[in-house]
PDB file of N, CA and C in Angstrom:
ATOM      1  N   MET A   1     -17.625  -5.772 -13.800  1.00  0.00           N
ATOM      2  CA  MET A   1     -18.591  -6.216 -13.687  1.00  0.00           C
ATOM      3  C   MET A   1     -18.976  -6.895 -14.842  1.00  0.00           C
ATOM      4  N   LEU A   2     -19.660  -7.809 -14.953  1.00  0.00           N
ATOM      5  CA  LEU A   2     -19.632  -8.675 -15.238  1.00  0.00           C
ATOM      6  C   LEU A   2     -21.100  -8.444 -16.712  1.00  0.00           C
ATOM      7  N   LYS A   3     -20.628  -9.847 -17.933  1.00  0.00           N
ATOM      8  CA  LYS A   3     -21.354  -9.435 -19.151  1.00  0.00           C
ATOM      9  C   LYS A   3     -23.225  -9.905 -18.407  1.00  0.00           C
ATOM     10  N   GLU A   4     -22.918 -10.787 -17.985  1.00  0.00           N
ATOM     11  CA  GLU A   4     -24.210 -11.518 -18.031  1.00  0.00           C
ATOM     12  C   GLU A   4     -25.041 -10.692 -16.367  1.00  0.00           C
ATOM     13  N   ALA A   5     -24.396  -9.534 -16.614  1.00  0.00           N
ATOM     14  CA  ALA A   5     -25.276  -8.794 -14.797  1.00  0.00           C
ATOM     15  C   ALA A   5     -26.823  -8.349 -15.576  1.00  0.00           C
ATOM     16  N   ALA A   6     -27.574  -8.517 -14.942  1.00  0.00           N
ATOM     17  CA  ALA A   6     -28.996  -8.083 -14.920  1.00  0.00           C
ATOM     18  C   ALA A   6     -28.938  -6.081 -15.503  1.00  0.00           C
ATOM     19  N   ASP A   7     -29.895  -6.005 -16.095  1.00  0.00           N
ATOM     20  CA  ASP A   7     -29.847  -4.203 -16.422  1.00  0.00           C
ATOM     21  C   ASP A   7     -30.206  -3.344 -15.386  1.00  0.00           C
ATOM     22  N   THR A   8     -30.649  -3.406 -14.225  1.00  0.00           N
ATOM     23  CA  THR A   8     -31.079  -3.008 -12.844  1.00  0.00           C
ATOM     24  C   THR A   8     -29.396  -2.923 -12.264  1.00  0.00           C
ATOM     25  N   GLU A   9     -28.664  -3.956 -12.299  1.00  0.00           N
ATOM     26  CA  GLU A   9     -27.343  -3.937 -12.018  1.00  0.00           C
ATOM     27  C   GLU A   9     -26.301  -3.066 -12.870  1.00  0.00           C
ATOM     28  N   LEU A  10     -26.458  -2.853 -13.933  1.00  0.00           N
ATOM     29  CA  LEU A  10     -25.494  -2.123 -14.603  1.00  0.00           C
ATOM     30  C   LEU A  10     -26.301  -0.532 -14.338  1.00  0.00           C
ATOM     31  N   ILE A  11     -27.669  -0.126 -14.644  1.00  0.00           N
ATOM     32  CA  ILE A  11     -27.986   1.184 -13.691  1.00  0.00           C
ATOM     33  C   ILE A  11     -27.759   1.360 -12.411  1.00  0.00           C
ATOM     34  N   THR A  12     -27.639   0.823 -11.492  1.00  0.00           N
ATOM     35  CA  THR A  12     -26.785   1.135 -10.306  1.00  0.00           C
ATOM     36  C   THR A  12     -25.406   1.206 -10.534  1.00  0.00           C
ATOM     37  N   ALA A  13     -24.735   0.522 -11.067  1.00  0.00           N
ATOM     38  CA  ALA A  13     -23.730   0.902 -11.259  1.00  0.00           C
ATOM     39  C   ALA A  13     -22.682   2.020 -12.172  1.00  0.00           C
ATOM     40  N   ILE A  14     -23.706   2.412 -12.787  1.00  0.00           N
ATOM     41  CA  ILE A  14     -23.954   3.926 -13.614  1.00  0.00           C
ATOM     42  C   ILE A  14     -23.788   4.992 -12.576  1.00  0.00           C
ATOM     43  N   HIS A  15     -24.702   4.838 -12.033  1.00  0.00           N
ATOM     44  CA  HIS A  15     -24.969   6.085 -10.791  1.00  0.00           C
ATOM     45  C   HIS A  15     -24.057   5.934  -9.753  1.00  0.00           C
ATOM     46  N   VAL A  16     -23.592   4.713  -9.401  1.00  0.00           N
ATOM     47  CA  VAL A  16     -22.247   4.325  -8.261  1.00  0.00           C
ATOM     48  C   VAL A  16     -21.141   5.359  -8.954  1.00  0.00           C
ATOM     49  N   ILE A  17     -20.916   4.978 -10.171  1.00  0.00           N
ATOM     50  CA  ILE A  17     -19.736   5.789 -10.557  1.00  0.00           C
ATOM     51  C   ILE A  17     -19.608   7.037 -10.877  1.00  0.00           C
ATOM     52  N   LYS A  18     -20.997   7.671 -11.609  1.00  0.00           N
ATOM     53  CA  LYS A  18     -20.989   8.624 -11.475  1.00  0.00           C
ATOM     54  C   LYS A  18     -21.216   9.882 -10.573  1.00  0.00           C
ATOM     55  N   SER A  19     -21.350   9.080  -9.493  1.00  0.00           N
ATOM     56  CA  SER A  19     -20.934   9.416  -7.561  1.00  0.00           C
ATOM     57  C   SER A  19     -19.983  10.045  -7.755  1.00  0.00           C
ATOM     58  N   GLY A  20     -18.767   9.369  -8.450  1.00  0.00           N
ATOM     59  CA  GLY A  20     -17.314   9.136  -7.791  1.00  0.00           C
ATOM     60  C   GLY A  20     -16.969   8.106  -7.121  1.00  0.00           C
ATOM     61  N   GLN A  21     -17.475   7.040  -6.966  1.00  0.00           N
ATOM     62  CA  GLN A  21     -17.284   5.792  -6.272  1.00  0.00           C
ATOM     63  C   GLN A  21     -16.820   4.860  -7.209  1.00  0.00           C
ATOM     64  N   PHE A  22     -16.283   3.846  -6.613  1.00  0.00           N
ATOM     65  CA  PHE A  22     -15.793   2.745  -7.436  1.00  0.00           C
ATOM     66  C   PHE A  22     -16.895   1.415  -7.553  1.00  0.00           C
ATOM     67  N   TYR A  23     -17.061   0.485  -8.111  1.00  0.00           N
ATOM     68  CA  TYR A  23     -18.369  -0.200  -8.373  1.00  0.00           C
ATOM     69  C   TYR A  23     -17.590  -1.335  -8.869  1.00  0.00           C
ATOM     70  N   LEU A  24     -17.822  -2.881  -7.983  1.00  0.00           N
ATOM     71  CA  LEU A  24     -17.529  -3.910  -7.970  1.00  0.00           C
ATOM     72  C   LEU A  24     -18.858  -4.502  -7.940  1.00  0.00           C
ATOM     73  N   SER A  25     -19.290  -5.549  -8.959  1.00  0.00           N
ATOM     74  CA  SER A  25     -20.452  -6.576  -8.511  1.00  0.00           C
ATOM     75  C   SER A  25     -20.414  -7.439  -7.696  1.00  0.00           C
ATOM     76  N   PRO A  26     -21.349  -7.484  -6.942  1.00  0.00           N
ATOM     77  CA  PRO A  26     -21.624  -8.871  -6.313  1.00  0.00           C
ATOM     78  C   PRO A  26     -21.232 -10.211  -6.216  1.00  0.00           C
ATOM     79  N   THR A  27     -21.019 -10.418  -7.589  1.00  0.00           N
ATOM     80  CA  THR A  27     -20.346 -11.607  -8.161  1.00  0.00           C
ATOM     81  C   THR A  27     -18.800 -11.477  -8.141  1.00  0.00           C
ATOM     82  N   ALA A  28     -18.455 -10.098  -8.413  1.00  0.00           N
ATOM     83  CA  ALA A  28     -17.036 -10.015  -8.570  1.00  0.00           C
ATOM     84  C   ALA A  28     -16.165  -9.985  -7.133  1.00  0.00           C
ATOM     85  N   GLN A  29     -17.369  -9.138  -6.204  1.00  0.00           N
ATOM     86  CA  GLN A  29     -16.943  -9.050  -4.879  1.00  0.00           C
ATOM     87  C   GLN A  29     -16.659 -10.436  -4.091  1.00  0.00           C
ATOM     88  N   SER A  30     -17.189 -11.439  -4.444  1.00  0.00           N
ATOM     89  CA  SER A  30     -17.360 -13.205  -3.757  1.00  0.00           C
ATOM     90  C   SER A  30     -16.271 -13.375  -4.376  1.00  0.00           C
ATOM     91  N   VAL A  31     -15.620 -13.156  -5.540  1.00  0.00           N
ATOM     92  CA  VAL A  31     -14.612 -13.850  -5.817  1.00  0.00           C
ATOM     93  C   VAL A  31     -13.209 -13.493  -5.471  1.00  0.00           C
ATOM     94  N   VAL A  32     -12.781 -11.398  -5.489  1.00  0.00           N
ATOM     95  CA  VAL A  32     -12.157 -11.310  -5.138  1.00  0.00           C
ATOM     96  C   VAL A  32     -11.861 -11.583  -3.618  1.00  0.00           C
ATOM     97  N   VAL A  33     -12.967 -11.820  -2.784  1.00  0.00           N
ATOM     98  CA  VAL A  33     -12.890 -12.094  -1.338  1.00  0.00           C
ATOM     99  C   VAL A  33     -12.680 -13.258  -1.102  1.00  0.00           C
ATOM    100  N   GLY A  34     -12.870 -14.683  -2.020  1.00  0.00           N
ATOM    101  CA  GLY A  34     -12.934 -15.401  -1.936  1.00  0.00           C
ATOM    102  C   GLY A  34     -11.530 -15.827  -2.332  1.00  0.00           C
ATOM    103  N   ASP A  35     -10.755 -15.515  -3.413  1.00  0.00           N
ATOM    104  CA  ASP A  35      -9.552 -15.641  -3.428  1.00  0.00           C
ATOM    105  C   ASP A  35      -8.593 -14.666  -2.660  1.00  0.00           C
ATOM    106  N   TYR A  36      -8.966 -13.899  -2.059  1.00  0.00           N
ATOM    107  CA  TYR A  36      -8.201 -13.397  -1.031  1.00  0.00           C
ATOM    108  C   TYR A  36      -7.808 -14.135   0.272  1.00  0.00           C
ATOM    109  N   LEU A  37      -9.031 -14.791   0.824  1.00  0.00           N
ATOM    110  CA  LEU A  37      -8.949 -15.555   1.990  1.00  0.00           C
ATOM    111  C   LEU A  37      -8.767 -16.623   1.602  1.00  0.00           C
ATOM    112  N   GLN A  38      -8.648 -17.395   0.340  1.00  0.00           N
ATOM    113  CA  GLN A  38      -7.845 -18.560  -0.147  1.00  0.00           C
ATOM    114  C   GLN A  38      -6.164 -18.192   0.023  1.00  0.00           C
ATOM    115  N   ARG A  39      -5.658 -17.099   0.096  1.00  0.00           N
ATOM    116  CA  ARG A  39      -4.322 -16.668  -0.019  1.00  0.00           C
ATOM    117  C   ARG A  39      -3.773 -16.560   1.346  1.00  0.00           C
ATOM    118  N   VAL A  40      -4.782 -16.053   2.117  1.00  0.00           N
ATOM    119  CA  VAL A  40      -4.642 -16.001   3.635  1.00  0.00           C
ATOM    120  C   VAL A  40      -4.374 -17.491   3.879  1.00  0.00           C
ATOM    121  N   ARG A  41      -5.135 -18.132   4.012  1.00  0.00           N
ATOM    122  CA  ARG A  41      -5.396 -19.552   4.368  1.00  0.00           C
ATOM    123  C   ARG A  41      -4.034 -20.363   3.825  1.00  0.00           C
ATOM    124  N   THR A  42      -3.663 -20.088   3.008  1.00  0.00           N
ATOM    125  CA  THR A  42      -2.089 -20.918   2.273  1.00  0.00           C
ATOM    126  C   THR A  42      -0.807 -20.099   2.816  1.00  0.00           C
ATOM    127  N   GLY A  43      -1.422 -18.878   3.274  1.00  0.00           N
ATOM    128  CA  GLY A  43       0.298 -18.146   3.564  1.00  0.00           C
ATOM    129  C   GLY A  43       0.704 -17.392   2.814  1.00  0.00           C
ATOM    130  N   GLU A  44      -0.008 -17.428   1.586  1.00  0.00           N
ATOM    131  CA  GLU A  44       0.514 -16.384   0.654  1.00  0.00           C
ATOM    132  C   GLU A  44       0.182 -15.086   0.970  1.00  0.00           C
ATOM    133  N   GLU A  45      -0.303 -14.356   1.552  1.00  0.00           N
ATOM    134  CA  GLU A  45      -0.680 -12.861   2.401  1.00  0.00           C
ATOM    135  C   GLU A  45      -0.137 -12.795   3.436  1.00  0.00           C
ATOM    136  N   ARG A  46       0.826 -12.106   2.936  1.00  0.00           N
ATOM    137  CA  ARG A  46       1.740 -11.864   4.502  1.00  0.00           C
ATOM    138  C   ARG A  46       1.252 -10.477   4.719  1.00  0.00           C
ATOM    139  N   ASP A  47       2.002  -9.791   6.289  1.00  0.00           N
ATOM    140  CA  ASP A  47       2.441  -8.819   6.210  1.00  0.00           C
ATOM    141  C   ASP A  47       3.134  -8.184   5.233  1.00  0.00           C
ATOM    142  N   SER A  48       3.070  -7.431   4.641  1.00  0.00           N
ATOM    143  CA  SER A  48       4.176  -6.623   3.863  1.00  0.00           C
ATOM    144  C   SER A  48       5.209  -6.346   4.620  1.00  0.00           C
ATOM    145  N   TYR A  49       5.225  -5.718   6.231  1.00  0.00           N
ATOM    146  CA  TYR A  49       6.043  -4.938   6.740  1.00  0.00           C
ATOM    147  C   TYR A  49       7.074  -6.318   6.908  1.00  0.00           C
ATOM    148  N   SER A  50       7.002  -7.096   7.011  1.00  0.00           N
ATOM    149  CA  SER A  50       7.910  -8.075   7.217  1.00  0.00           C
ATOM    150  C   SER A  50       8.524  -8.724   5.680  1.00  0.00           C
ATOM    151  N   SER A  51       8.163  -8.162   4.890  1.00  0.00           N
ATOM    152  CA  SER A  51       9.355  -8.092   3.652  1.00  0.00           C
ATOM    153  C   SER A  51       9.907  -7.572   3.577  1.00  0.00           C
ATOM    154  N   LEU A  52      10.223  -6.160   4.269  1.00  0.00           N
ATOM    155  CA  LEU A  52      11.172  -4.942   4.428  1.00  0.00           C
ATOM    156  C   LEU A  52      12.151  -5.511   4.807  1.00  0.00           C
ATOM    157  N   THR A  53      13.578  -5.088   4.365  1.00  0.00           N
ATOM    158  CA  THR A  53      14.605  -5.480   4.542  1.00  0.00           C
ATOM    159  C   THR A  53      15.064  -4.455   5.970  1.00  0.00           C
ATOM    160  N   GLU A  54      16.069  -4.966   6.920  1.00  0.00           N
ATOM    161  CA  GLU A  54      16.556  -3.911   7.973  1.00  0.00           C
ATOM    162  C   GLU A  54      16.781  -2.671   7.471  1.00  0.00           C
ATOM    163  N   ARG A  55      17.155  -2.280   6.605  1.00  0.00           N
ATOM    164  CA  ARG A  55      17.931  -1.146   6.305  1.00  0.00           C
ATOM    165  C   ARG A  55      16.507  -0.391   5.791  1.00  0.00           C
ATOM    166  N   GLU A  56      15.718  -1.196   5.063  1.00  0.00           N
ATOM    167  CA  GLU A  56      14.442  -0.419   4.155  1.00  0.00           C
ATOM    168  C   GLU A  56      13.530   0.182   5.762  1.00  0.00           C
ATOM    169  N   ARG A  57      13.596  -0.708   6.483  1.00  0.00           N
ATOM    170  CA  ARG A  57      12.894   0.062   7.933  1.00  0.00           C
ATOM    171  C   ARG A  57      13.410   0.514   8.616  1.00  0.00           C
ATOM    172  N   GLU A  58      14.666   1.244   8.449  1.00  0.00           N
ATOM    173  CA  GLU A  58      15.243   2.117   8.964  1.00  0.00           C
ATOM    174  C   GLU A  58      15.206   3.019   8.185  1.00  0.00           C
ATOM    175  N   ILE A  59      15.349   3.427   6.685  1.00  0.00           N
ATOM    176  CA  ILE A  59      15.126   4.415   6.248  1.00  0.00           C
ATOM    177  C   ILE A  59      13.212   4.623   6.315  1.00  0.00           C
ATOM    178  N   LEU A  60      12.153   3.742   6.151  1.00  0.00           N
ATOM    179  CA  LEU A  60      10.950   3.811   6.754  1.00  0.00           C
ATOM    180  C   LEU A  60      11.082   4.892   7.884  1.00  0.00           C
ATOM    181  N   LYS A  61      11.289   4.451   9.045  1.00  0.00           N
ATOM    182  CA  LYS A  61      11.475   5.188   9.925  1.00  0.00           C
ATOM    183  C   LYS A  61      11.960   6.630   9.969  1.00  0.00           C
ATOM    184  N   LEU A  62      13.012   7.087   9.262  1.00  0.00           N
ATOM    185  CA  LEU A  62      13.490   8.145   8.710  1.00  0.00           C
ATOM    186  C   LEU A  62      12.698   9.198   8.225  1.00  0.00           C
ATOM    187  N   VAL A  63      12.278   8.284   7.133  1.00  0.00           N
ATOM    188  CA  VAL A  63      11.359   9.649   6.383  1.00  0.00           C
ATOM    189  C   VAL A  63       9.990   9.835   6.928  1.00  0.00           C
ATOM    190  N   ALA A  64       9.774   9.038   7.871  1.00  0.00           N
ATOM    191  CA  ALA A  64       8.382   9.143   8.481  1.00  0.00           C
ATOM    192  C   ALA A  64       8.645  10.322   9.527  1.00  0.00           C
ATOM    193  N   GLU A  65       9.934  10.281  10.270  1.00  0.00           N
ATOM    194  CA  GLU A  65      10.131  11.164  11.187  1.00  0.00           C
ATOM    195  C   GLU A  65      10.448  12.651  10.332  1.00  0.00           C
ATOM    196  N   GLY A  66      10.505  12.456   8.886  1.00  0.00           N
ATOM    197  CA  GLY A  66      10.902  13.852   8.563  1.00  0.00           C
ATOM    198  C   GLY A  66      11.903  14.310   7.910  1.00  0.00           C
ATOM    199  N   HIS A  67      12.866  13.309   8.030  1.00  0.00           N
ATOM    200  CA  HIS A  67      14.272  13.474   7.431  1.00  0.00           C
ATOM    201  C   HIS A  67      14.233  13.597   5.906  1.00  0.00           C
ATOM    202  N   THR A  68      14.568  14.419   5.413  1.00  0.00           N
ATOM    203  CA  THR A  68      14.880  14.502   3.875  1.00  0.00           C
ATOM    204  C   THR A  68      15.844  13.276   3.398  1.00  0.00           C
ATOM    205  N   ASN A  69      15.805  12.838   1.833  1.00  0.00           N
ATOM    206  CA  ASN A  69      16.965  12.033   1.609  1.00  0.00           C
ATOM    207  C   ASN A  69      18.453  12.669   1.614  1.00  0.00           C
ATOM    208  N   ASN A  70      18.539  13.803   1.494  1.00  0.00           N
ATOM    209  CA  ASN A  70      20.099  13.943   1.889  1.00  0.00           C
ATOM    210  C   ASN A  70      20.222  13.594   3.279  1.00  0.00           C
ATOM    211  N   GLN A  71      19.716  14.215   4.726  1.00  0.00           N
ATOM    212  CA  GLN A  71      19.626  13.999   6.015  1.00  0.00           C
ATOM    213  C   GLN A  71      20.079  12.253   6.166  1.00  0.00           C
ATOM    214  N   ILE A  72      19.131  11.975   5.592  1.00  0.00           N
ATOM    215  CA  ILE A  72      19.057   9.940   5.572  1.00  0.00           C
ATOM    216  C   ILE A  72      20.740   9.688   4.970  1.00  0.00           C
ATOM    217  N   ALA A  73      20.586  10.050   4.380  1.00  0.00           N
ATOM    218  CA  ALA A  73      22.300   9.672   3.416  1.00  0.00           C
ATOM    219  C   ALA A  73      22.998  10.239   4.024  1.00  0.00           C
ATOM    220  N   GLU A  74      23.194  11.241   4.881  1.00  0.00           N
ATOM    221  CA  GLU A  74      23.965  11.675   5.566  1.00  0.00           C
ATOM    222  C   GLU A  74      24.398  10.849   6.858  1.00  0.00           C
ATOM    223  N   ARG A  75      23.513  10.822   7.357  1.00  0.00           N
ATOM    224  CA  ARG A  75      23.342  10.300   8.767  1.00  0.00           C
ATOM    225  C   ARG A  75      23.826   8.122   8.400  1.00  0.00           C
ATOM    226  N   LEU A  76      23.555   7.924   7.463  1.00  0.00           N
ATOM    227  CA  LEU A  76      23.450   6.335   7.327  1.00  0.00           C
ATOM    228  C   LEU A  76      24.755   5.954   6.253  1.00  0.00           C
ATOM    229  N   ILE A  77      25.518   7.246   6.275  1.00  0.00           N
ATOM    230  CA  ILE A  77      26.785   7.121   4.801  1.00  0.00           C
ATOM    231  C   ILE A  77      26.190   6.266   4.158  1.00  0.00           C
ATOM    232  N   ILE A  78      25.356   6.931   3.268  1.00  0.00           N
ATOM    233  CA  ILE A  78      24.869   6.329   2.092  1.00  0.00           C
ATOM    234  C   ILE A  78      24.866   7.384   0.911  1.00  0.00           C
ATOM    235  N   SER A  79      24.708   7.376  -0.219  1.00  0.00           N
ATOM    236  CA  SER A  79      24.305   8.529  -1.070  1.00  0.00           C
ATOM    237  C   SER A  79      22.335   8.507  -1.280  1.00  0.00           C
ATOM    238  N   PRO A  80      22.403   9.716  -0.963  1.00  0.00           N
ATOM    239  CA  PRO A  80      20.437  10.458  -1.473  1.00  0.00           C
ATOM    240  C   PRO A  80      20.186   9.696  -2.789  1.00  0.00           C
ATOM    241  N   LYS A  81      20.961   9.241  -3.622  1.00  0.00           N
ATOM    242  CA  LYS A  81      20.145   8.358  -4.378  1.00  0.00           C
ATOM    243  C   LYS A  81      19.832   6.879  -3.528  1.00  0.00           C
ATOM    244  N   THR A  82      20.779   6.661  -3.384  1.00  0.00           N
ATOM    245  CA  THR A  82      20.781   4.932  -2.519  1.00  0.00           C
ATOM    246  C   THR A  82      19.794   5.149  -1.645  1.00  0.00           C
ATOM    247  N   VAL A  83      19.526   5.893  -0.868  1.00  0.00           N
ATOM    248  CA  VAL A  83      18.485   6.700  -0.028  1.00  0.00           C
ATOM    249  C   VAL A  83      17.122   6.669  -0.964  1.00  0.00           C
ATOM    250  N   ASP A  84      16.789   7.325  -2.038  1.00  0.00           N
ATOM    251  CA  ASP A  84      15.954   7.125  -3.068  1.00  0.00           C
ATOM    252  C   ASP A  84      15.379   5.676  -3.332  1.00  0.00           C
ATOM    253  N   THR A  85      16.535   5.211  -3.883  1.00  0.00           N
ATOM    254  CA  THR A  85      16.164   3.427  -4.377  1.00  0.00           C
ATOM    255  C   THR A  85      15.228   2.812  -3.205  1.00  0.00           C
ATOM    256  N   HIS A  86      15.962   3.199  -2.353  1.00  0.00           N
ATOM    257  CA  HIS A  86      15.493   2.200  -0.506  1.00  0.00           C
ATOM    258  C   HIS A  86      14.121   2.486  -0.659  1.00  0.00           C
ATOM    259  N   ARG A  87      13.709   4.333  -0.780  1.00  0.00           N
ATOM    260  CA  ARG A  87      12.335   4.317  -0.540  1.00  0.00           C
ATOM    261  C   ARG A  87      11.723   4.070  -1.727  1.00  0.00           C
ATOM    262  N   THR A  88      11.747   3.984  -2.958  1.00  0.00           N
ATOM    263  CA  THR A  88      11.114   3.405  -4.057  1.00  0.00           C
ATOM    264  C   THR A  88      10.948   1.937  -3.567  1.00  0.00           C
ATOM    265  N   HIS A  89      11.559   1.171  -3.152  1.00  0.00           N
ATOM    266  CA  HIS A  89      11.097  -0.244  -3.057  1.00  0.00           C
ATOM    267  C   HIS A  89      10.466  -0.454  -1.787  1.00  0.00           C
ATOM    268  N   ILE A  90      10.389   0.195  -0.632  1.00  0.00           N
ATOM    269  CA  ILE A  90       9.462   0.419   0.561  1.00  0.00           C
ATOM    270  C   ILE A  90       8.274   0.492  -0.316  1.00  0.00           C
ATOM    271  N   MET A  91       7.831   1.395  -1.237  1.00  0.00           N
ATOM    272  CA  MET A  91       7.034   1.998  -1.453  1.00  0.00           C
ATOM    273  C   MET A  91       6.409   1.091  -2.061  1.00  0.00           C
ATOM    274  N   ASP A  92       7.031   0.480  -2.922  1.00  0.00           N
ATOM    275  CA  ASP A  92       6.383  -1.108  -4.165  1.00  0.00           C
ATOM    276  C   ASP A  92       6.080  -2.069  -2.971  1.00  0.00           C
ATOM    277  N   LYS A  93       6.852  -2.648  -2.419  1.00  0.00           N
ATOM    278  CA  LYS A  93       6.296  -3.669  -1.028  1.00  0.00           C
ATOM    279  C   LYS A  93       5.184  -3.207  -0.580  1.00  0.00           C
ATOM    280  N   LEU A  94       5.021  -2.209   0.093  1.00  0.00           N
ATOM    281  CA  LEU A  94       3.713  -1.374   0.856  1.00  0.00           C
ATOM    282  C   LEU A  94       2.601  -0.807   0.055  1.00  0.00           C
ATOM    283  N   ASN A  95       2.727  -1.178  -1.172  1.00  0.00           N
ATOM    284  CA  ASN A  95       1.684  -0.292  -2.324  1.00  0.00           C
ATOM    285  C   ASN A  95       1.120   0.730  -1.697  1.00  0.00           C
ATOM    286  N   LEU A  96       2.548   1.723  -1.317  1.00  0.00           N
ATOM    287  CA  LEU A  96       2.088   3.361  -1.207  1.00  0.00           C
ATOM    288  C   LEU A  96       2.577   4.310  -2.561  1.00  0.00           C
ATOM    289  N   HIS A  97       1.992   5.476  -2.368  1.00  0.00           N
ATOM    290  CA  HIS A  97       2.469   6.344  -3.630  1.00  0.00           C
ATOM    291  C   HIS A  97       3.038   8.058  -3.101  1.00  0.00           C
ATOM    292  N   SER A  98       2.782   7.553  -1.937  1.00  0.00           N
ATOM    293  CA  SER A  98       3.473   9.120  -1.642  1.00  0.00           C
ATOM    294  C   SER A  98       4.516   9.183  -0.180  1.00  0.00           C
ATOM    295  N   ARG A  99       5.025  10.164   0.082  1.00  0.00           N
ATOM    296  CA  ARG A  99       5.668  10.414   1.679  1.00  0.00           C
ATOM    297  C   ARG A  99       4.942  10.448   2.519  1.00  0.00           C
ATOM    298  N   ALA A 100       3.598  11.011   2.013  1.00  0.00           N
ATOM    299  CA  ALA A 100       2.893  11.093   3.112  1.00  0.00           C
ATOM    300  C   ALA A 100       2.133   9.926   3.552  1.00  0.00           C
ATOM    301  N   GLU A 101       1.850   9.204   2.508  1.00  0.00           N
ATOM    302  CA  GLU A 101       1.478   7.773   2.565  1.00  0.00           C
ATOM    303  C   GLU A 101       2.424   6.941   3.766  1.00  0.00           C
ATOM    304  N   LEU A 102       3.653   7.305   3.074  1.00  0.00           N
ATOM    305  CA  LEU A 102       4.611   6.232   4.223  1.00  0.00           C
ATOM    306  C   LEU A 102       4.295   6.737   5.809  1.00  0.00           C
ATOM    307  N   VAL A 103       4.499   7.953   5.846  1.00  0.00           N
ATOM    308  CA  VAL A 103       4.176   8.341   7.384  1.00  0.00           C
ATOM    309  C   VAL A 103       2.959   8.114   7.902  1.00  0.00           C
ATOM    310  N   LYS A 104       2.128   8.060   7.173  1.00  0.00           N
ATOM    311  CA  LYS A 104       0.681   7.484   7.741  1.00  0.00           C
ATOM    312  C   LYS A 104       0.980   5.981   8.036  1.00  0.00           C
ATOM    313  N   TYR A 105       1.497   5.521   7.270  1.00  0.00           N
ATOM    314  CA  TYR A 105       1.385   3.880   7.187  1.00  0.00           C
ATOM    315  C   TYR A 105       2.381   3.602   8.697  1.00  0.00           C
ATOM    316  N   ALA A 106       3.726   4.421   9.052  1.00  0.00           N
ATOM    317  CA  ALA A 106       4.528   4.374   9.877  1.00  0.00           C
ATOM    318  C   ALA A 106       4.021   4.607  11.446  1.00  0.00           C
ATOM    319  N   MET A 107       2.804   5.449  11.099  1.00  0.00           N
ATOM    320  CA  MET A 107       1.945   5.873  12.043  1.00  0.00           C
ATOM    321  C   MET A 107       1.215   4.762  12.654  1.00  0.00           C
ATOM    322  N   ARG A 108       0.588   4.357  11.463  1.00  0.00           N
ATOM    323  CA  ARG A 108      -0.260   3.082  12.089  1.00  0.00           C
ATOM    324  C   ARG A 108       0.039   1.701  12.826  1.00  0.00           C
ATOM    325  N   ARG A 109       1.438   1.744  12.836  1.00  0.00           N
ATOM    326  CA  ARG A 109       2.151   0.533  12.835  1.00  0.00           C
ATOM    327  C   ARG A 109       3.150   1.278  13.785  1.00  0.00           C
ATOM    328  N   GLY A 110       3.130   2.539  14.339  1.00  0.00           N
ATOM    329  CA  GLY A 110       3.518   2.552  15.573  1.00  0.00           C
ATOM    330  C   GLY A 110       5.124   2.749  16.091  1.00  0.00           C
ATOM    331  N   LEU A 111       4.958   2.865  14.458  1.00  0.00           N
ATOM    332  CA  LEU A 111       7.117   3.149  14.414  1.00  0.00           C
ATOM    333  C   LEU A 111       7.277   4.311  14.981  1.00  0.00           C
ATOM    334  N   LEU A 112       6.892   5.441  14.854  1.00  0.00           N
ATOM    335  CA  LEU A 112       7.386   7.146  15.090  1.00  0.00           C
ATOM    336  C   LEU A 112       6.831   6.986  16.777  1.00  0.00           C
ATOM    337  N   GLU A 113       8.149   7.632  17.600  1.00  0.00           N
ATOM    338  CA  GLU A 113       8.339   7.952  18.685  1.00  0.00           C
ATOM    339  C   GLU A 113       7.229   9.117  19.344  1.00  0.00           C
ATOM    340  N   ASP A 114       6.794   8.905  20.452  1.00  0.00           N
ATOM    341  CA  ASP A 114       6.196  10.263  20.736  1.00  0.00           C
ATOM    342  C   ASP A 114       6.730  11.904  21.080  1.00  0.00           C
TER     343      ASP A 114
END
């Protein structure tokens, strides 16, 4: 919320936040969306999946299928710590915060076989 906002906007923001929601002023929304659209036009905003390495994609699929780090490590002939490192990189690149979010992402991408 900007300092210059009207009193009514401040009251609205307080009510929205009090109800457990997130508030972003219309002016700030415009700036954020404008910045995003500019990045899309210039190619800065790209599909995060394309930033994953082939190994990270492989591990993402295996995690989403429900395999543990130890199972993945055994299957790929790498250490469980390496699997964990790859999983951390995947989550950072995709801005995900849990294994559940990884599974949900993989489902949306169509990475899981029926």
